[in-house]
Amino acid sequence: MKKTLYLAPSAIAVAVMASSLSVGVQAAGFVEDAKVTLGLRNYYFNRNYLNGTDPVIRGERQGQAEGWTQNFILDARSGFTEGTVGFGLDVLGLYSIKLDGNRGAANTQLMPIHDDGQAADQFGRTAVAAKAKLSKTELKVGEWFAVLPILRADDGRSLPQTFQGAQLTSNEIDGLTLYGGQFWKNSQRNDASREDMSFSGVKGDDFNFGGGEYRFNGNNTMVGVWHARLEDVYQQSYVQLTHSQPVGDWVLGANLGYVTGKEEGAAKAGNLDNKVYQGALSAKTGNNTFMVAYQRLSGDTKFMRIDGASGGTLVNDGFTNSYDNPEERSWQVRHDYNFAGLGIPGLTLMNRYVSGSNIHTGGRTDAEEWGRESELAYTIQEGSLKNLSIRWRNSDVRRDVGQDLHENRLIINYPLSIL
């Protein structure tokens, strides 16, 4: 099928105006501005299912999901050739090796699972994207780790998710960034293949999007507006406002958002209806950050996102749950502490508690759930192992409908700068 690129009209206008400039813009050299890093990621995952909620896989109950992998993430990004239009190339090489985990790895999502229920011994893929830059406008075509408010690739396991498509990003106007593009293939975090874009297993055609973000007030305030369509499945709009305000020894923050979505075109997934109203307020002083958040969904459909994508746009999204069921109301309290205040730079601790209610699922209209998550992280500050980080994530989830679980993850990342 022929691909048609959907771009926000304002982004197209900027690109056309930029192309008419007669004065060449000197970009950094292709090699001189290149950066190459090799990320070594060791990932251990252990999840215990509690209270008889363990899933059944191939006729057997799985009381535990466990896996351990060693992963290699090569991220090579060139600069741009010199001239009016600069050209460049980005390459992402991904490779994962299973260190432990067979049938028990089925629900870890660390590795692909074969038809016999066994985890693959290894998997990987290569993502290549060409790019061109004119003035302050960049066109990218290929495959990469895309992170947009309307589509967030997930990087929560062995290897990151990637999307194949094209994107135009323009910064011609100070403070304003415009985006437009189209994605047509999806490689999920535990898959080496490239599949059509889909929602809840229902395949659509292309995923078209456009949006803009305007920053002002000394970059303390941002307003974002986005729209996306998974052709013949769903359409979604998102409006966001963020603000940061110093007040004496404190820095106060706000993140407010509204999402609305419904079916699109042939409506292959049926009639869809979802709205999200959300807000998070934070207060930072010294080495402490406090946050409270509220997230409310309405409509008969859960929060709509491409299969495998992160729910990071939602204020109550966490390691194990997004609290995004139909009609769910959830609130969160969170505290972060930086131990630099006690003379241990690089050591941080995060604790949060989220409670959800009014869930319409499993034939119920009053289901509830709650989750507690903690992360203790340390990054080495100097020496030969500088920037090596160790993260321990500990979580509990309890649900009226669904799986109760206790989970531990240990993640070691070591970025090596090659160029």
Protein backbone atom coordinates (compact mmCIF):
# COMPACT_ATOMS: atom_id res chain seq x y z
CA MET A 1 0.00 0.00 0.00
CA LYS A 2 1.29 3.43 -0.88
CA LYS A 3 2.25 5.51 2.16
CA THR A 4 0.93 9.04 2.45
CA LEU A 5 2.66 11.32 4.92
CA TYR A 6 0.36 13.30 7.22
CA LEU A 7 1.89 16.55 8.50
CA ALA A 8 0.46 19.36 10.54
CA PRO A 9 -0.33 22.25 8.13
CA SER A 10 1.74 24.66 10.19
CA ALA A 11 4.74 22.33 9.99
CA ILE A 12 4.38 22.10 6.22
CA ALA A 13 4.26 25.88 5.96
CA VAL A 14 7.42 26.24 7.99
CA ALA A 15 9.23 23.70 5.82
CA VAL A 16 8.16 25.44 2.62
CA MET A 17 9.27 28.84 3.88
CA ALA A 18 12.57 27.43 5.06
CA SER A 19 13.23 25.81 1.68
CA SER A 20 12.99 29.19 -0.01
CA LEU A 21 15.89 30.65 1.93
CA SER A 22 18.77 31.57 -0.33
CA VAL A 23 21.40 31.70 2.38
CA GLY A 24 22.94 28.33 3.17
CA VAL A 25 23.04 27.18 6.74
CA GLN A 26 26.27 25.55 7.82
CA ALA A 27 25.58 22.39 9.81
CA ALA A 28 28.12 20.49 11.86
CA GLY A 29 30.14 17.89 9.99
CA PHE A 30 28.79 14.38 9.46
CA VAL A 31 31.71 12.82 11.33
CA GLU A 32 32.86 15.71 13.50
CA ASP A 33 29.55 15.92 15.35
CA ALA A 34 28.89 12.17 15.49
CA LYS A 35 28.24 10.41 18.80
CA VAL A 36 28.42 6.67 19.41
CA THR A 37 27.60 4.97 22.71
CA LEU A 38 27.29 1.32 23.69
CA GLY A 39 24.85 0.71 26.51
CA LEU A 40 25.34 -2.46 28.56
CA ARG A 41 22.08 -3.31 30.34
CA ASN A 42 21.72 -6.24 32.74
CA TYR A 43 18.08 -6.87 33.65
CA TYR A 44 16.69 -9.23 36.32
CA PHE A 45 12.90 -9.53 36.69
CA ASN A 46 10.94 -11.49 39.30
CA ARG A 47 7.15 -11.37 39.72
CA ASN A 48 5.15 -13.50 42.16
CA TYR A 49 1.39 -13.87 41.66
CA LEU A 50 -0.57 -13.88 44.91
CA ASN A 51 -3.98 -14.89 46.25
CA GLY A 52 -4.67 -17.47 43.55
CA THR A 53 -4.54 -14.93 40.71
CA ASP A 54 -1.63 -16.56 38.85
CA PRO A 55 -2.23 -16.92 35.09
CA VAL A 56 -2.65 -20.24 33.27
CA ILE A 57 -0.14 -20.81 30.46
CA ARG A 58 -0.47 -23.89 28.25
CA GLY A 59 -2.71 -25.53 30.85
CA GLU A 60 -0.39 -24.89 33.79
CA ARG A 61 -0.63 -22.24 36.48
CA GLN A 62 2.29 -19.85 36.54
CA GLY A 63 2.88 -18.76 40.11
CA GLN A 64 5.99 -16.84 39.18
CA ALA A 65 7.41 -14.95 36.21
CA GLU A 66 11.20 -14.74 36.28
CA GLY A 67 13.92 -13.89 33.79
CA TRP A 68 17.44 -12.49 33.50
CA THR A 69 19.05 -10.97 30.41
CA GLN A 70 22.21 -9.24 29.26
CA ASN A 71 21.58 -6.57 26.66
CA PHE A 72 23.61 -4.45 24.27
CA ILE A 73 22.29 -1.15 22.91
CA LEU A 74 24.49 0.54 20.30
CA ASP A 75 23.35 4.10 19.62
CA ALA A 76 25.22 5.77 16.74
CA ARG A 77 24.14 9.24 15.63
CA SER A 78 25.96 11.19 12.95
CA GLY A 79 26.11 14.93 12.62
CA PHE A 80 24.91 16.64 9.44
CA THR A 81 26.87 17.24 6.27
CA GLU A 82 27.67 20.87 5.55
CA GLY A 83 25.59 22.89 3.14
CA THR A 84 22.16 24.44 2.83
CA VAL A 85 20.62 21.03 3.47
CA GLY A 86 22.54 18.75 5.81
CA PHE A 87 22.19 14.98 5.71
CA GLY A 88 22.84 12.43 8.42
CA LEU A 89 22.22 8.88 9.60
CA ASP A 90 21.21 7.32 12.93
CA VAL A 91 21.70 3.62 13.71
CA LEU A 92 20.35 1.73 16.72
CA GLY A 93 21.73 -1.78 17.16
CA LEU A 94 19.84 -3.92 19.70
CA TYR A 95 20.81 -7.39 20.96
CA SER A 96 19.64 -9.40 23.98
CA ILE A 97 20.91 -12.68 25.45
CA LYS A 98 18.93 -14.79 27.91
CA LEU A 99 20.94 -15.64 31.01
CA ASP A 100 18.10 -17.44 32.81
CA GLY A 101 14.38 -18.07 32.42
CA ASN A 102 12.35 -20.65 30.49
CA ARG A 103 8.62 -21.20 30.94
CA GLY A 104 8.73 -18.88 33.93
CA ALA A 105 9.78 -16.05 31.62
CA ALA A 106 6.50 -15.99 29.69
CA ASN A 107 5.10 -12.94 31.50
CA THR A 108 8.34 -11.04 32.06
CA GLN A 109 8.30 -9.58 28.53
CA LEU A 110 12.09 -9.68 28.56
CA MET A 111 12.37 -12.04 25.58
CA PRO A 112 10.17 -13.38 22.77
CA ILE A 113 8.28 -16.56 23.69
CA HIS A 114 8.23 -19.55 21.31
CA ASP A 115 5.10 -21.58 20.54
CA ASP A 116 6.19 -24.22 23.08
CA GLY A 117 6.16 -21.60 25.85
CA GLN A 118 9.96 -21.38 26.11
CA ALA A 119 11.75 -18.04 26.08
CA ALA A 120 14.07 -17.37 23.14
CA ASP A 121 17.79 -17.68 23.86
CA GLN A 122 18.52 -14.41 22.07
CA PHE A 123 16.94 -11.77 19.88
CA GLY A 124 17.71 -8.39 18.41
CA ARG A 125 17.14 -5.98 15.57
CA THR A 126 18.72 -2.99 13.85
CA ALA A 127 16.94 0.32 13.39
CA VAL A 128 18.27 2.76 10.79
CA ALA A 129 16.98 6.27 10.14
CA ALA A 130 18.10 8.84 7.57
CA LYS A 131 17.76 12.51 8.45
CA ALA A 132 17.96 15.84 6.68
CA LYS A 133 18.16 19.33 8.18
CA LEU A 134 17.31 22.70 6.65
CA SER A 135 17.68 25.71 8.91
CA LYS A 136 15.98 24.59 12.15
CA THR A 137 13.71 22.01 10.52
CA GLU A 138 14.60 18.31 10.50
CA LEU A 139 13.08 15.42 8.56
CA LYS A 140 13.69 11.87 9.78
CA VAL A 141 12.73 8.71 7.87
CA GLY A 142 13.34 5.15 9.01
CA GLU A 143 13.12 3.43 12.39
CA TRP A 144 13.97 4.79 15.82
CA PHE A 145 13.01 5.03 19.50
CA ALA A 146 10.26 7.64 19.24
CA VAL A 147 9.02 9.44 22.36
CA LEU A 148 6.08 11.79 21.80
CA PRO A 149 3.21 12.67 24.15
CA ILE A 150 0.80 11.01 21.71
CA LEU A 151 3.04 7.95 21.12
CA ARG A 152 5.71 6.86 23.60
CA ALA A 153 7.99 3.93 22.78
CA ASP A 154 8.45 1.69 25.83
CA ASP A 155 11.92 1.12 27.27
CA GLY A 156 10.97 -0.79 30.40
CA ARG A 157 12.53 -4.19 29.70
CA SER A 158 15.57 -5.70 27.94
CA LEU A 159 15.45 -3.60 24.76
CA PRO A 160 13.48 -0.50 23.75
CA GLN A 161 10.47 -0.50 21.47
CA THR A 162 10.98 1.18 18.08
CA PHE A 163 8.67 2.52 15.37
CA GLN A 164 9.20 2.77 11.63
CA GLY A 165 8.00 5.91 9.90
CA ALA A 166 8.73 9.55 9.08
CA GLN A 167 8.70 12.68 11.23
CA LEU A 168 9.18 16.39 10.60
CA THR A 169 10.30 18.56 13.53
CA SER A 170 10.56 22.34 13.21
CA ASN A 171 11.98 24.95 15.60
CA GLU A 172 11.90 27.95 13.25
CA ILE A 173 9.98 30.10 15.75
CA ASP A 174 11.61 30.72 19.12
CA GLY A 175 9.88 28.73 21.84
CA LEU A 176 7.63 26.85 19.39
CA THR A 177 8.29 23.27 18.26
CA LEU A 178 6.03 21.77 15.59
CA TYR A 179 5.74 18.06 14.83
CA GLY A 180 4.09 16.05 12.09
CA GLY A 181 4.49 12.61 10.65
CA GLN A 182 3.43 9.05 10.19
CA PHE A 183 4.45 5.66 11.62
CA TRP A 184 3.55 2.42 9.87
CA LYS A 185 5.44 -0.36 11.70
CA ASN A 186 5.88 -1.31 15.35
CA SER A 187 8.64 -3.41 16.95
CA GLN A 188 7.65 -4.09 20.54
CA ARG A 189 10.22 -4.30 23.32
CA ASN A 190 10.31 -8.13 23.35
CA ASP A 191 10.02 -8.72 19.60
CA ALA A 192 12.46 -8.75 16.70
CA SER A 193 9.75 -8.46 14.04
CA ARG A 194 7.99 -5.41 12.63
CA GLU A 195 4.21 -5.51 12.79
CA ASP A 196 1.44 -3.19 11.64
CA MET A 197 0.35 -0.50 14.08
CA SER A 198 -2.47 -1.84 16.27
CA PHE A 199 -4.65 -1.15 19.31
CA SER A 200 -5.74 -4.05 21.57
CA GLY A 201 -4.68 -6.48 18.85
CA VAL A 202 -6.77 -4.76 16.16
CA LYS A 203 -4.58 -3.71 13.26
CA GLY A 204 -5.08 -0.34 11.66
CA ASP A 205 -3.34 1.27 8.75
CA ASP A 206 -0.87 4.10 9.34
CA PHE A 207 -0.56 6.10 12.55
CA ASN A 208 -0.69 9.79 11.57
CA PHE A 209 0.06 12.59 14.01
CA GLY A 210 0.64 16.31 14.34
CA GLY A 211 1.26 18.61 17.25
CA GLY A 212 3.05 21.55 18.74
CA GLU A 213 4.58 22.69 22.01
CA TYR A 214 5.12 26.33 22.97
CA ARG A 215 7.47 27.26 25.81
CA PHE A 216 7.50 30.72 27.35
CA ASN A 217 7.91 32.53 30.66
CA GLY A 218 11.61 31.71 30.71
CA ASN A 219 10.83 28.10 29.72
CA ASN A 220 8.88 27.72 32.97
CA THR A 221 5.56 27.26 31.15
CA MET A 222 4.66 24.90 28.30
CA VAL A 223 1.43 24.43 26.35
CA GLY A 224 1.13 21.39 24.09
CA VAL A 225 -1.59 20.40 21.61
CA TRP A 226 -1.58 17.04 19.78
CA HIS A 227 -3.79 14.97 17.50
CA ALA A 228 -3.28 11.44 16.19
CA ARG A 229 -5.17 8.85 14.14
CA LEU A 230 -4.64 5.13 13.84
CA GLU A 231 -6.45 4.83 10.53
CA ASP A 232 -9.72 2.87 10.72
CA VAL A 233 -9.31 2.25 14.46
CA TYR A 234 -9.12 5.33 16.70
CA GLN A 235 -8.44 9.05 16.82
CA GLN A 236 -7.13 10.92 19.85
CA SER A 237 -6.41 14.50 20.92
CA TYR A 238 -4.29 15.67 23.83
CA VAL A 239 -3.88 19.09 25.45
CA GLN A 240 -1.21 19.66 28.11
CA LEU A 241 -0.12 22.53 30.35
CA THR A 242 3.01 22.39 32.52
CA HIS A 243 4.40 25.10 34.77
CA SER A 244 7.32 25.47 37.18
CA GLN A 245 7.42 28.33 39.69
CA PRO A 246 10.24 29.13 42.15
CA VAL A 247 8.89 30.39 45.48
CA GLY A 248 11.63 31.14 47.97
CA ASP A 249 13.45 27.89 48.74
CA TRP A 250 10.75 25.89 46.98
CA VAL A 251 10.04 25.07 43.34
CA LEU A 252 6.35 24.38 42.70
CA GLY A 253 5.25 22.44 39.62
CA ALA A 254 2.04 21.58 37.81
CA ASN A 255 1.25 19.14 34.99
CA LEU A 256 -2.34 19.31 33.72
CA GLY A 257 -3.75 17.32 30.82
CA TYR A 258 -6.91 16.41 28.93
CA VAL A 259 -7.23 13.50 26.49
CA THR A 260 -10.21 12.64 24.31
CA GLY A 261 -10.51 9.71 21.93
CA LYS A 262 -13.04 7.84 19.81
CA GLU A 263 -13.29 5.46 16.87
CA GLU A 264 -11.98 6.44 13.43
CA GLY A 265 -12.90 5.52 9.86
CA ALA A 266 -14.02 1.90 9.52
CA ALA A 267 -13.92 1.52 13.34
CA LYS A 268 -12.31 -1.93 13.23
CA ALA A 269 -12.20 -2.03 17.05
CA GLY A 270 -15.86 -1.00 17.33
CA ASN A 271 -17.24 2.15 18.87
CA LEU A 272 -14.70 3.73 21.21
CA ASP A 273 -15.14 6.42 23.83
CA ASN A 274 -12.46 7.62 26.24
CA LYS A 275 -11.63 10.84 28.04
CA VAL A 276 -8.89 11.48 30.59
CA TYR A 277 -8.76 14.42 32.99
CA GLN A 278 -5.55 14.56 34.97
CA GLY A 279 -3.31 16.76 37.05
CA ALA A 280 -0.12 16.45 39.10
CA LEU A 281 1.18 19.04 41.56
CA SER A 282 4.74 18.91 42.90
CA ALA A 283 6.83 20.80 45.44
CA LYS A 284 10.63 20.57 45.64
CA THR A 285 12.81 21.93 48.42
CA GLY A 286 16.41 20.99 48.99
CA ASN A 287 16.76 17.28 48.33
CA ASN A 288 13.07 16.45 48.77
CA THR A 289 10.33 16.41 46.13
CA PHE A 290 6.69 15.81 47.04
CA MET A 291 3.92 15.12 44.52
CA VAL A 292 0.19 14.47 44.51
CA ALA A 293 -1.73 13.46 41.37
CA TYR A 294 -5.28 12.73 40.28
CA GLN A 295 -6.36 10.91 37.13
CA ARG A 296 -9.95 10.37 36.00
CA LEU A 297 -11.14 8.35 33.02
CA SER A 298 -14.62 8.47 31.53
CA GLY A 299 -16.23 6.48 28.73
CA ASP A 300 -16.49 2.79 27.94
CA THR A 301 -12.92 2.40 26.65
CA LYS A 302 -9.57 2.27 28.40
CA PHE A 303 -6.88 4.84 27.57
CA MET A 304 -6.04 4.35 23.89
CA ARG A 305 -2.43 3.73 22.91
CA ILE A 306 -0.57 1.71 20.31
CA ASP A 307 0.09 -1.87 21.45
CA GLY A 308 3.23 -2.12 23.54
CA ALA A 309 3.60 1.65 23.90
CA SER A 310 4.27 3.28 27.26
CA GLY A 311 1.50 4.94 29.25
CA GLY A 312 3.94 7.62 30.43
CA THR A 313 1.64 10.43 29.31
CA LEU A 314 -0.68 9.49 32.19
CA VAL A 315 0.25 11.10 35.52
CA ASN A 316 -0.39 7.86 37.44
CA ASP A 317 1.54 5.57 35.11
CA GLY A 318 4.06 3.42 36.99
CA PHE A 319 6.32 0.39 36.67
CA THR A 320 3.50 -2.16 36.87
CA ASN A 321 0.22 -0.35 36.18
CA SER A 322 -1.24 2.72 34.46
CA TYR A 323 -4.63 2.87 36.26
CA ASP A 324 -6.27 3.42 32.88
CA ASN A 325 -9.36 1.18 33.01
CA PRO A 326 -12.77 2.45 31.85
CA GLU A 327 -14.24 5.00 34.29
CA GLU A 328 -11.34 4.58 36.75
CA ARG A 329 -10.52 7.33 39.23
CA SER A 330 -7.05 7.20 40.78
CA TRP A 331 -4.92 9.35 43.05
CA GLN A 332 -1.23 9.23 43.91
CA VAL A 333 1.13 10.45 46.60
CA ARG A 334 4.87 10.36 45.89
CA HIS A 335 8.14 11.35 47.56
CA ASP A 336 11.63 11.53 46.02
CA TYR A 337 14.83 12.04 48.00
CA ASN A 338 18.34 12.81 46.75
CA PHE A 339 20.97 11.58 49.20
CA ALA A 340 23.42 14.22 48.01
CA GLY A 341 22.04 16.16 50.97
CA LEU A 342 23.57 13.52 53.25
CA GLY A 343 26.88 13.49 51.41
CA ILE A 344 26.09 10.57 49.06
CA PRO A 345 25.77 12.07 45.57
CA GLY A 346 24.28 9.72 42.99
CA LEU A 347 21.99 7.90 45.45
CA THR A 348 18.23 8.52 45.13
CA LEU A 349 15.07 6.98 46.57
CA MET A 350 11.50 7.16 45.22
CA ASN A 351 8.34 5.91 46.96
CA ARG A 352 4.77 6.24 45.68
CA TYR A 353 1.32 4.91 46.43
CA VAL A 354 -1.56 4.89 43.93
CA SER A 355 -5.19 3.97 44.61
CA GLY A 356 -7.81 3.38 41.90
CA SER A 357 -11.58 2.98 42.24
CA ASN A 358 -14.85 3.02 40.26
CA ILE A 359 -13.36 0.59 37.72
CA HIS A 360 -15.80 -0.77 35.14
CA THR A 361 -14.39 -4.17 34.20
CA GLY A 362 -15.16 -7.87 34.52
CA GLY A 363 -18.87 -7.18 34.82
CA ARG A 364 -18.33 -4.84 37.76
CA THR A 365 -18.76 -1.09 38.07
CA ASP A 366 -17.15 -0.65 41.48
CA ALA A 367 -13.84 -2.55 41.30
CA GLU A 368 -10.78 -1.16 43.08
CA GLU A 369 -7.01 -1.56 42.95
CA TRP A 370 -3.94 -0.12 44.61
CA GLY A 371 -0.21 -0.16 44.04
CA ARG A 372 2.96 0.67 45.94
CA GLU A 373 6.27 1.21 44.16
CA SER A 374 9.78 2.01 45.35
CA GLU A 375 13.02 2.62 43.47
CA LEU A 376 16.46 2.84 45.04
CA ALA A 377 19.06 3.96 42.50
CA TYR A 378 22.76 4.74 42.58
CA THR A 379 24.95 6.18 39.83
CA ILE A 380 28.75 6.06 40.21
CA GLN A 381 30.05 9.62 40.04
CA GLU A 382 33.72 9.17 39.12
CA GLY A 383 36.44 6.68 38.24
CA SER A 384 36.61 4.01 35.54
CA LEU A 385 32.98 3.00 36.18
CA LYS A 386 31.63 6.54 36.10
CA ASN A 387 27.94 6.70 35.04
CA LEU A 388 27.31 3.03 35.81
CA SER A 389 23.89 2.91 37.47
CA ILE A 390 22.13 0.29 39.59
CA ARG A 391 18.36 0.40 40.14
CA TRP A 392 16.27 -1.78 42.43
CA ARG A 393 12.53 -1.55 41.85
CA ASN A 394 10.13 -3.13 44.33
CA SER A 395 6.36 -3.16 43.71
CA ASP A 396 3.08 -4.53 45.04
CA VAL A 397 -0.32 -4.47 43.29
CA ARG A 398 -3.69 -5.65 44.61
CA ARG A 399 -6.87 -5.76 42.51
CA ASP A 400 -10.51 -6.77 42.89
CA VAL A 401 -10.45 -7.94 39.26
CA GLY A 402 -7.13 -9.07 37.82
CA GLN A 403 -3.81 -10.28 39.16
CA ASP A 404 -2.30 -9.53 42.56
CA LEU A 405 1.47 -9.42 42.42
CA HIS A 406 4.71 -8.73 44.24
CA GLU A 407 7.61 -7.76 42.01
CA ASN A 408 11.34 -7.05 42.13
CA ARG A 409 13.57 -5.78 39.35
CA LEU A 410 17.31 -5.19 39.37
CA ILE A 411 18.65 -3.14 36.46
CA ILE A 412 22.32 -2.33 35.85
CA ASN A 413 23.17 0.13 33.07
CA TYR A 414 26.69 1.02 31.94
CA PRO A 415 27.00 3.48 29.03
CA LEU A 416 30.33 3.35 27.18
CA SER A 417 31.21 6.36 25.05
CA ILE A 418 32.88 5.13 21.85
CA LEU A 419 32.92 8.37 19.88
